Amino acid sequence: LLLICLTAGNSFGQACGNSGPTQCTASGTLTRPGLSP
């Protein structure tokens, strides 16, 4: 899908997966199958 660049730091992470519905809004503007950005 994508690259996420991280810089250094120390703390404890939370384990989570899908946190529920309606967390974002689909734009519906892509003209062909795939991903953006």
PDB file of all heavy atoms in Angstrom:
ATOM      1  N   LEU A   1       0.791  -1.221   0.000  1.00  0.00           N
ATOM      2  CA  LEU A   1       0.000   0.000   0.000  1.00  0.00           C
ATOM      3  C   LEU A   1       0.825   1.273   0.000  1.00  0.00           C
ATOM      4  O   LEU A   1       0.706   2.095  -0.880  1.00  0.00           O
ATOM      5  CB  LEU A   1      -0.853   0.027   1.270  1.00  0.00           C
ATOM      6  CG  LEU A   1      -2.271  -0.396   1.138  1.00  0.00           C
ATOM      7  CD1 LEU A   1      -3.008  -0.149   2.415  1.00  0.00           C
ATOM      8  CD2 LEU A   1      -2.940   0.312   0.015  1.00  0.00           C
ATOM      9  N   LEU A   2       1.592   1.478   1.038  1.00  0.00           N
ATOM     10  CA  LEU A   2       2.259   2.738   1.209  1.00  0.00           C
ATOM     11  C   LEU A   2       3.451   2.582   2.123  1.00  0.00           C
ATOM     12  O   LEU A   2       3.616   1.558   2.760  1.00  0.00           O
ATOM     13  CB  LEU A   2       1.308   3.783   1.800  1.00  0.00           C
ATOM     14  CG  LEU A   2       0.760   3.446   3.185  1.00  0.00           C
ATOM     15  CD1 LEU A   2       1.015   4.614   4.119  1.00  0.00           C
ATOM     16  CD2 LEU A   2      -0.724   3.195   3.107  1.00  0.00           C
ATOM     17  N   LEU A   3       4.266   3.591   2.178  1.00  0.00           N
ATOM     18  CA  LEU A   3       5.380   3.633   3.107  1.00  0.00           C
ATOM     19  C   LEU A   3       5.054   4.661   4.175  1.00  0.00           C
ATOM     20  O   LEU A   3       4.592   5.751   3.877  1.00  0.00           O
ATOM     21  CB  LEU A   3       6.665   4.044   2.395  1.00  0.00           C
ATOM     22  CG  LEU A   3       7.137   3.137   1.275  1.00  0.00           C
ATOM     23  CD1 LEU A   3       8.382   3.733   0.628  1.00  0.00           C
ATOM     24  CD2 LEU A   3       7.440   1.761   1.796  1.00  0.00           C
ATOM     25  N   ILE A   4       5.299   4.304   5.421  1.00  0.00           N
ATOM     26  CA  ILE A   4       5.166   5.261   6.506  1.00  0.00           C
ATOM     27  C   ILE A   4       6.552   5.415   7.103  1.00  0.00           C
ATOM     28  O   ILE A   4       7.160   4.440   7.528  1.00  0.00           O
ATOM     29  CB  ILE A   4       4.162   4.784   7.577  1.00  0.00           C
ATOM     30  CG1 ILE A   4       2.777   4.666   6.961  1.00  0.00           C
ATOM     31  CG2 ILE A   4       4.145   5.742   8.753  1.00  0.00           C
ATOM     32  CD1 ILE A   4       1.729   4.187   7.908  1.00  0.00           C
ATOM     33  N   CYS A   5       7.059   6.624   7.117  1.00  0.00           N
ATOM     34  CA  CYS A   5       8.398   6.871   7.635  1.00  0.00           C
ATOM     35  C   CYS A   5       8.312   7.308   9.088  1.00  0.00           C
ATOM     36  O   CYS A   5       7.545   8.204   9.423  1.00  0.00           O
ATOM     37  CB  CYS A   5       9.082   7.959   6.827  1.00  0.00           C
ATOM     38  SG  CYS A   5       9.155   7.580   5.075  1.00  0.00           S
ATOM     39  N   LEU A   6       9.083   6.669   9.943  1.00  0.00           N
ATOM     40  CA  LEU A   6       9.076   6.983  11.362  1.00  0.00           C
ATOM     41  C   LEU A   6      10.451   7.434  11.811  1.00  0.00           C
ATOM     42  O   LEU A   6      11.456   6.980  11.288  1.00  0.00           O
ATOM     43  CB  LEU A   6       8.683   5.745  12.180  1.00  0.00           C
ATOM     44  CG  LEU A   6       7.332   5.129  11.850  1.00  0.00           C
ATOM     45  CD1 LEU A   6       7.112   3.878  12.662  1.00  0.00           C
ATOM     46  CD2 LEU A   6       6.229   6.122  12.122  1.00  0.00           C
ATOM     47  N   THR A   7      10.470   8.306  12.824  1.00  0.00           N
ATOM     48  CA  THR A   7      11.736   8.665  13.438  1.00  0.00           C
ATOM     49  C   THR A   7      11.804   8.053  14.821  1.00  0.00           C
ATOM     50  O   THR A   7      10.818   7.521  15.329  1.00  0.00           O
ATOM     51  CB  THR A   7      11.906  10.192  13.531  1.00  0.00           C
ATOM     52  OG1 THR A   7      10.842  10.715  14.307  1.00  0.00           O
ATOM     53  CG2 THR A   7      11.883  10.817  12.157  1.00  0.00           C
ATOM     54  N   ALA A   8      12.976   8.112  15.455  1.00  0.00           N
ATOM     55  CA  ALA A   8      13.211   7.400  16.715  1.00  0.00           C
ATOM     56  C   ALA A   8      12.350   7.914  17.849  1.00  0.00           C
ATOM     57  O   ALA A   8      11.943   9.068  17.886  1.00  0.00           O
ATOM     58  CB  ALA A   8      14.676   7.515  17.099  1.00  0.00           C
ATOM     59  N   GLY A   9      12.099   7.032  18.800  1.00  0.00           N
ATOM     60  CA  GLY A   9      11.358   7.371  20.006  1.00  0.00           C
ATOM     61  C   GLY A   9      11.093   6.115  20.797  1.00  0.00           C
ATOM     62  O   GLY A   9      11.073   5.022  20.259  1.00  0.00           O
ATOM     63  N   ASN A  10      10.918   6.261  22.100  1.00  0.00           N
ATOM     64  CA  ASN A  10      10.652   5.103  22.950  1.00  0.00           C
ATOM     65  C   ASN A  10       9.377   5.326  23.734  1.00  0.00           C
ATOM     66  O   ASN A  10       9.266   6.274  24.490  1.00  0.00           O
ATOM     67  CB  ASN A  10      11.805   4.869  23.927  1.00  0.00           C
ATOM     68  CG  ASN A  10      13.054   4.429  23.219  1.00  0.00           C
ATOM     69  OD1 ASN A  10      12.984   3.610  22.319  1.00  0.00           O
ATOM     70  ND2 ASN A  10      14.194   4.970  23.609  1.00  0.00           N
ATOM     71  N   SER A  11       8.426   4.456  23.551  1.00  0.00           N
ATOM     72  CA  SER A  11       7.205   4.418  24.360  1.00  0.00           C
ATOM     73  C   SER A  11       6.521   3.105  24.061  1.00  0.00           C
ATOM     74  O   SER A  11       6.982   2.318  23.254  1.00  0.00           O
ATOM     75  CB  SER A  11       6.291   5.607  24.048  1.00  0.00           C
ATOM     76  OG  SER A  11       5.880   5.560  22.709  1.00  0.00           O
ATOM     77  N   PHE A  12       5.430   2.841  24.740  1.00  0.00           N
ATOM     78  CA  PHE A  12       4.735   1.567  24.546  1.00  0.00           C
ATOM     79  C   PHE A  12       3.594   1.738  23.568  1.00  0.00           C
ATOM     80  O   PHE A  12       2.864   2.719  23.624  1.00  0.00           O
ATOM     81  CB  PHE A  12       4.208   1.040  25.894  1.00  0.00           C
ATOM     82  CG  PHE A  12       5.320   0.698  26.824  1.00  0.00           C
ATOM     83  CD1 PHE A  12       5.683   1.559  27.841  1.00  0.00           C
ATOM     84  CD2 PHE A  12       6.032  -0.481  26.670  1.00  0.00           C
ATOM     85  CE1 PHE A  12       6.727   1.239  28.691  1.00  0.00           C
ATOM     86  CE2 PHE A  12       7.068  -0.803  27.514  1.00  0.00           C
ATOM     87  CZ  PHE A  12       7.427   0.065  28.530  1.00  0.00           C
ATOM     88  N   GLY A  13       3.442   0.777  22.676  1.00  0.00           N
ATOM     89  CA  GLY A  13       2.414   0.853  21.646  1.00  0.00           C
ATOM     90  C   GLY A  13       1.116   0.222  22.083  1.00  0.00           C
ATOM     91  O   GLY A  13       1.076  -0.581  23.003  1.00  0.00           O
ATOM     92  N   GLN A  14       0.059   0.590  21.428  1.00  0.00           N
ATOM     93  CA  GLN A  14      -1.229  -0.040  21.675  1.00  0.00           C
ATOM     94  C   GLN A  14      -1.495  -1.034  20.561  1.00  0.00           C
ATOM     95  O   GLN A  14      -1.147  -0.795  19.432  1.00  0.00           O
ATOM     96  CB  GLN A  14      -2.333   1.010  21.744  1.00  0.00           C
ATOM     97  CG  GLN A  14      -2.428   1.860  20.492  1.00  0.00           C
ATOM     98  CD  GLN A  14      -3.483   2.922  20.607  1.00  0.00           C
ATOM     99  OE1 GLN A  14      -4.159   3.018  21.605  1.00  0.00           O
ATOM    100  NE2 GLN A  14      -3.640   3.716  19.570  1.00  0.00           N
ATOM    101  N   ALA A  15      -2.043  -2.163  20.925  1.00  0.00           N
ATOM    102  CA  ALA A  15      -2.396  -3.154  19.904  1.00  0.00           C
ATOM    103  C   ALA A  15      -3.830  -2.886  19.485  1.00  0.00           C
ATOM    104  O   ALA A  15      -4.715  -2.831  20.310  1.00  0.00           O
ATOM    105  CB  ALA A  15      -2.260  -4.550  20.475  1.00  0.00           C
ATOM    106  N   CYS A  16      -4.058  -2.681  18.197  1.00  0.00           N
ATOM    107  CA  CYS A  16      -5.428  -2.445  17.749  1.00  0.00           C
ATOM    108  C   CYS A  16      -5.569  -2.830  16.291  1.00  0.00           C
ATOM    109  O   CYS A  16      -4.609  -2.833  15.546  1.00  0.00           O
ATOM    110  CB  CYS A  16      -5.830  -0.990  17.954  1.00  0.00           C
ATOM    111  SG  CYS A  16      -4.744   0.201  17.215  1.00  0.00           S
ATOM    112  N   GLY A  17      -6.766  -3.167  15.920  1.00  0.00           N
ATOM    113  CA  GLY A  17      -7.097  -3.477  14.539  1.00  0.00           C
ATOM    114  C   GLY A  17      -8.139  -2.488  14.088  1.00  0.00           C
ATOM    115  O   GLY A  17      -8.061  -1.312  14.408  1.00  0.00           O
ATOM    116  N   ASN A  18      -9.151  -2.963  13.395  1.00  0.00           N
ATOM    117  CA  ASN A  18     -10.202  -2.066  12.952  1.00  0.00           C
ATOM    118  C   ASN A  18     -10.980  -1.581  14.165  1.00  0.00           C
ATOM    119  O   ASN A  18     -11.545  -2.360  14.910  1.00  0.00           O
ATOM    120  CB  ASN A  18     -11.127  -2.774  11.969  1.00  0.00           C
ATOM    121  CG  ASN A  18     -12.068  -1.806  11.312  1.00  0.00           C
ATOM    122  OD1 ASN A  18     -12.236  -0.677  11.751  1.00  0.00           O
ATOM    123  ND2 ASN A  18     -12.693  -2.238  10.247  1.00  0.00           N
ATOM    124  N   SER A  19     -11.006  -0.272  14.350  1.00  0.00           N
ATOM    125  CA  SER A  19     -11.627   0.280  15.547  1.00  0.00           C
ATOM    126  C   SER A  19     -13.083   0.667  15.346  1.00  0.00           C
ATOM    127  O   SER A  19     -13.671   1.281  16.212  1.00  0.00           O
ATOM    128  CB  SER A  19     -10.823   1.493  16.023  1.00  0.00           C
ATOM    129  OG  SER A  19     -10.723   2.444  15.003  1.00  0.00           O
ATOM    130  N   GLY A  20     -13.665   0.295  14.212  1.00  0.00           N
ATOM    131  CA  GLY A  20     -15.087   0.536  14.055  1.00  0.00           C
ATOM    132  C   GLY A  20     -15.448   1.238  12.758  1.00  0.00           C
ATOM    133  O   GLY A  20     -14.590   1.648  11.993  1.00  0.00           O
ATOM    134  N   PRO A  21     -16.750   1.376  12.510  1.00  0.00           N
ATOM    135  CA  PRO A  21     -17.232   1.970  11.263  1.00  0.00           C
ATOM    136  C   PRO A  21     -17.118   3.496  11.261  1.00  0.00           C
ATOM    137  O   PRO A  21     -16.884   4.121  12.286  1.00  0.00           O
ATOM    138  CB  PRO A  21     -18.690   1.545  11.231  1.00  0.00           C
ATOM    139  CG  PRO A  21     -19.064   1.457  12.664  1.00  0.00           C
ATOM    140  CD  PRO A  21     -17.833   0.954  13.377  1.00  0.00           C
ATOM    141  N   THR A  22     -17.315   4.068  10.123  1.00  0.00           N
ATOM    142  CA  THR A  22     -17.379   5.519   9.885  1.00  0.00           C
ATOM    143  C   THR A  22     -16.196   6.276  10.473  1.00  0.00           C
ATOM    144  O   THR A  22     -16.360   7.329  11.058  1.00  0.00           O
ATOM    145  CB  THR A  22     -18.718   6.128  10.373  1.00  0.00           C
ATOM    146  OG1 THR A  22     -18.819   5.962  11.790  1.00  0.00           O
ATOM    147  CG2 THR A  22     -19.900   5.486   9.691  1.00  0.00           C
ATOM    148  N   GLN A  23     -15.013   5.721  10.332  1.00  0.00           N
ATOM    149  CA  GLN A  23     -13.819   6.396  10.814  1.00  0.00           C
ATOM    150  C   GLN A  23     -13.212   7.297   9.747  1.00  0.00           C
ATOM    151  O   GLN A  23     -12.328   8.067  10.030  1.00  0.00           O
ATOM    152  CB  GLN A  23     -12.795   5.365  11.286  1.00  0.00           C
ATOM    153  CG  GLN A  23     -13.269   4.546  12.465  1.00  0.00           C
ATOM    154  CD  GLN A  23     -13.510   5.404  13.693  1.00  0.00           C
ATOM    155  OE1 GLN A  23     -12.721   6.255  14.042  1.00  0.00           O
ATOM    156  NE2 GLN A  23     -14.635   5.193  14.337  1.00  0.00           N
ATOM    157  N   CYS A  24     -13.649   7.176   8.520  1.00  0.00           N
ATOM    158  CA  CYS A  24     -13.206   8.045   7.434  1.00  0.00           C
ATOM    159  C   CYS A  24     -14.362   8.150   6.446  1.00  0.00           C
ATOM    160  O   CYS A  24     -15.354   7.449   6.562  1.00  0.00           O
ATOM    161  CB  CYS A  24     -11.941   7.504   6.755  1.00  0.00           C
ATOM    162  SG  CYS A  24     -12.087   5.841   6.073  1.00  0.00           S
ATOM    163  N   THR A  25     -14.220   9.025   5.483  1.00  0.00           N
ATOM    164  CA  THR A  25     -15.267   9.206   4.485  1.00  0.00           C
ATOM    165  C   THR A  25     -14.689   8.940   3.099  1.00  0.00           C
ATOM    166  O   THR A  25     -13.686   9.550   2.723  1.00  0.00           O
ATOM    167  CB  THR A  25     -15.832  10.641   4.542  1.00  0.00           C
ATOM    168  OG1 THR A  25     -16.315  10.876   5.861  1.00  0.00           O
ATOM    169  CG2 THR A  25     -16.949  10.827   3.544  1.00  0.00           C
ATOM    170  N   ALA A  26     -15.313   8.031   2.368  1.00  0.00           N
ATOM    171  CA  ALA A  26     -14.852   7.713   1.010  1.00  0.00           C
ATOM    172  C   ALA A  26     -15.167   8.879   0.092  1.00  0.00           C
ATOM    173  O   ALA A  26     -16.270   9.412   0.110  1.00  0.00           O
ATOM    174  CB  ALA A  26     -15.515   6.443   0.513  1.00  0.00           C
ATOM    175  N   SER A  27     -14.181   9.254  -0.720  1.00  0.00           N
ATOM    176  CA  SER A  27     -14.384  10.397  -1.617  1.00  0.00           C
ATOM    177  C   SER A  27     -15.143  10.004  -2.874  1.00  0.00           C
ATOM    178  O   SER A  27     -15.853  10.816  -3.443  1.00  0.00           O
ATOM    179  CB  SER A  27     -13.036  11.012  -2.003  1.00  0.00           C
ATOM    180  OG  SER A  27     -12.325  10.136  -2.852  1.00  0.00           O
ATOM    181  N   GLY A  28     -14.963   8.760  -3.336  1.00  0.00           N
ATOM    182  CA  GLY A  28     -15.649   8.311  -4.538  1.00  0.00           C
ATOM    183  C   GLY A  28     -15.160   8.981  -5.808  1.00  0.00           C
ATOM    184  O   GLY A  28     -15.826   8.933  -6.822  1.00  0.00           O
ATOM    185  N   THR A  29     -13.972   9.608  -5.751  1.00  0.00           N
ATOM    186  CA  THR A  29     -13.489  10.353  -6.912  1.00  0.00           C
ATOM    187  C   THR A  29     -12.455   9.603  -7.746  1.00  0.00           C
ATOM    188  O   THR A  29     -12.035  10.115  -8.775  1.00  0.00           O
ATOM    189  CB  THR A  29     -12.876  11.694  -6.471  1.00  0.00           C
ATOM    190  OG1 THR A  29     -11.790  11.428  -5.568  1.00  0.00           O
ATOM    191  CG2 THR A  29     -13.907  12.576  -5.797  1.00  0.00           C
ATOM    192  N   LEU A  30     -12.029   8.424  -7.327  1.00  0.00           N
ATOM    193  CA  LEU A  30     -11.050   7.685  -8.112  1.00  0.00           C
ATOM    194  C   LEU A  30     -11.730   7.132  -9.365  1.00  0.00           C
ATOM    195  O   LEU A  30     -12.800   6.538  -9.290  1.00  0.00           O
ATOM    196  CB  LEU A  30     -10.430   6.554  -7.307  1.00  0.00           C
ATOM    197  CG  LEU A  30      -9.630   6.971  -6.071  1.00  0.00           C
ATOM    198  CD1 LEU A  30      -9.104   5.741  -5.348  1.00  0.00           C
ATOM    199  CD2 LEU A  30      -8.493   7.882  -6.443  1.00  0.00           C
ATOM    200  N   THR A  31     -11.101   7.317 -10.510  1.00  0.00           N
ATOM    201  CA  THR A  31     -11.703   6.900 -11.768  1.00  0.00           C
ATOM    202  C   THR A  31     -11.381   5.457 -12.130  1.00  0.00           C
ATOM    203  O   THR A  31     -12.057   4.865 -12.949  1.00  0.00           O
ATOM    204  CB  THR A  31     -11.240   7.812 -12.917  1.00  0.00           C
ATOM    205  OG1 THR A  31      -9.813   7.785 -12.964  1.00  0.00           O
ATOM    206  CG2 THR A  31     -11.736   9.230 -12.702  1.00  0.00           C
ATOM    207  N   ARG A  32     -10.342   4.889 -11.518  1.00  0.00           N
ATOM    208  CA  ARG A  32      -9.988   3.498 -11.800  1.00  0.00           C
ATOM    209  C   ARG A  32      -9.615   2.800 -10.501  1.00  0.00           C
ATOM    210  O   ARG A  32      -9.252   3.450  -9.516  1.00  0.00           O
ATOM    211  CB  ARG A  32      -8.857   3.422 -12.811  1.00  0.00           C
ATOM    212  CG  ARG A  32      -7.608   4.072 -12.339  1.00  0.00           C
ATOM    213  CD  ARG A  32      -6.529   3.977 -13.381  1.00  0.00           C
ATOM    214  NE  ARG A  32      -5.342   4.609 -12.827  1.00  0.00           N
ATOM    215  CZ  ARG A  32      -4.322   4.993 -13.524  1.00  0.00           C
ATOM    216  NH1 ARG A  32      -4.302   4.803 -14.817  1.00  0.00           N
ATOM    217  NH2 ARG A  32      -3.288   5.552 -12.950  1.00  0.00           N
ATOM    218  N   PRO A  33      -9.703   1.481 -10.464  1.00  0.00           N
ATOM    219  CA  PRO A  33      -9.377   0.743  -9.239  1.00  0.00           C
ATOM    220  C   PRO A  33      -7.950   1.008  -8.784  1.00  0.00           C
ATOM    221  O   PRO A  33      -7.032   1.160  -9.593  1.00  0.00           O
ATOM    222  CB  PRO A  33      -9.556  -0.710  -9.654  1.00  0.00           C
ATOM    223  CG  PRO A  33     -10.518  -0.672 -10.777  1.00  0.00           C
ATOM    224  CD  PRO A  33     -10.202   0.598 -11.508  1.00  0.00           C
ATOM    225  N   GLY A  34      -7.791   1.080  -7.484  1.00  0.00           N
ATOM    226  CA  GLY A  34      -6.475   1.306  -6.907  1.00  0.00           C
ATOM    227  C   GLY A  34      -6.559   2.145  -5.655  1.00  0.00           C
ATOM    228  O   GLY A  34      -7.623   2.282  -5.050  1.00  0.00           O
ATOM    229  N   LEU A  35      -5.413   2.704  -5.269  1.00  0.00           N
ATOM    230  CA  LEU A  35      -5.280   3.432  -4.021  1.00  0.00           C
ATOM    231  C   LEU A  35      -4.781   4.854  -4.255  1.00  0.00           C
ATOM    232  O   LEU A  35      -4.062   5.117  -5.205  1.00  0.00           O
ATOM    233  CB  LEU A  35      -4.272   2.716  -3.116  1.00  0.00           C
ATOM    234  CG  LEU A  35      -4.602   1.264  -2.809  1.00  0.00           C
ATOM    235  CD1 LEU A  35      -3.370   0.538  -2.315  1.00  0.00           C
ATOM    236  CD2 LEU A  35      -5.714   1.187  -1.806  1.00  0.00           C
ATOM    237  N   SER A  36      -5.159   5.755  -3.366  1.00  0.00           N
ATOM    238  CA  SER A  36      -4.657   7.122  -3.398  1.00  0.00           C
ATOM    239  C   SER A  36      -4.650   7.658  -1.968  1.00  0.00           C
ATOM    240  O   SER A  36      -5.647   7.488  -1.263  1.00  0.00           O
ATOM    241  CB  SER A  36      -5.569   7.978  -4.267  1.00  0.00           C
ATOM    242  OG  SER A  36      -5.119   9.310  -4.280  1.00  0.00           O
ATOM    243  N   PRO A  37      -3.598   8.244  -1.465  1.00  0.00           N
ATOM    244  CA  PRO A  37      -2.396   8.636  -2.179  1.00  0.00           C
ATOM    245  C   PRO A  37      -1.450   7.457  -2.398  1.00  0.00           C
ATOM    246  O   PRO A  37      -1.588   6.409  -1.770  1.00  0.00           O
ATOM    247  CB  PRO A  37      -1.758   9.668  -1.246  1.00  0.00           C
ATOM    248  CG  PRO A  37      -2.155   9.224   0.114  1.00  0.00           C
ATOM    249  CD  PRO A  37      -3.539   8.645  -0.052  1.00  0.00           C
TER     250      PRO A  37
END
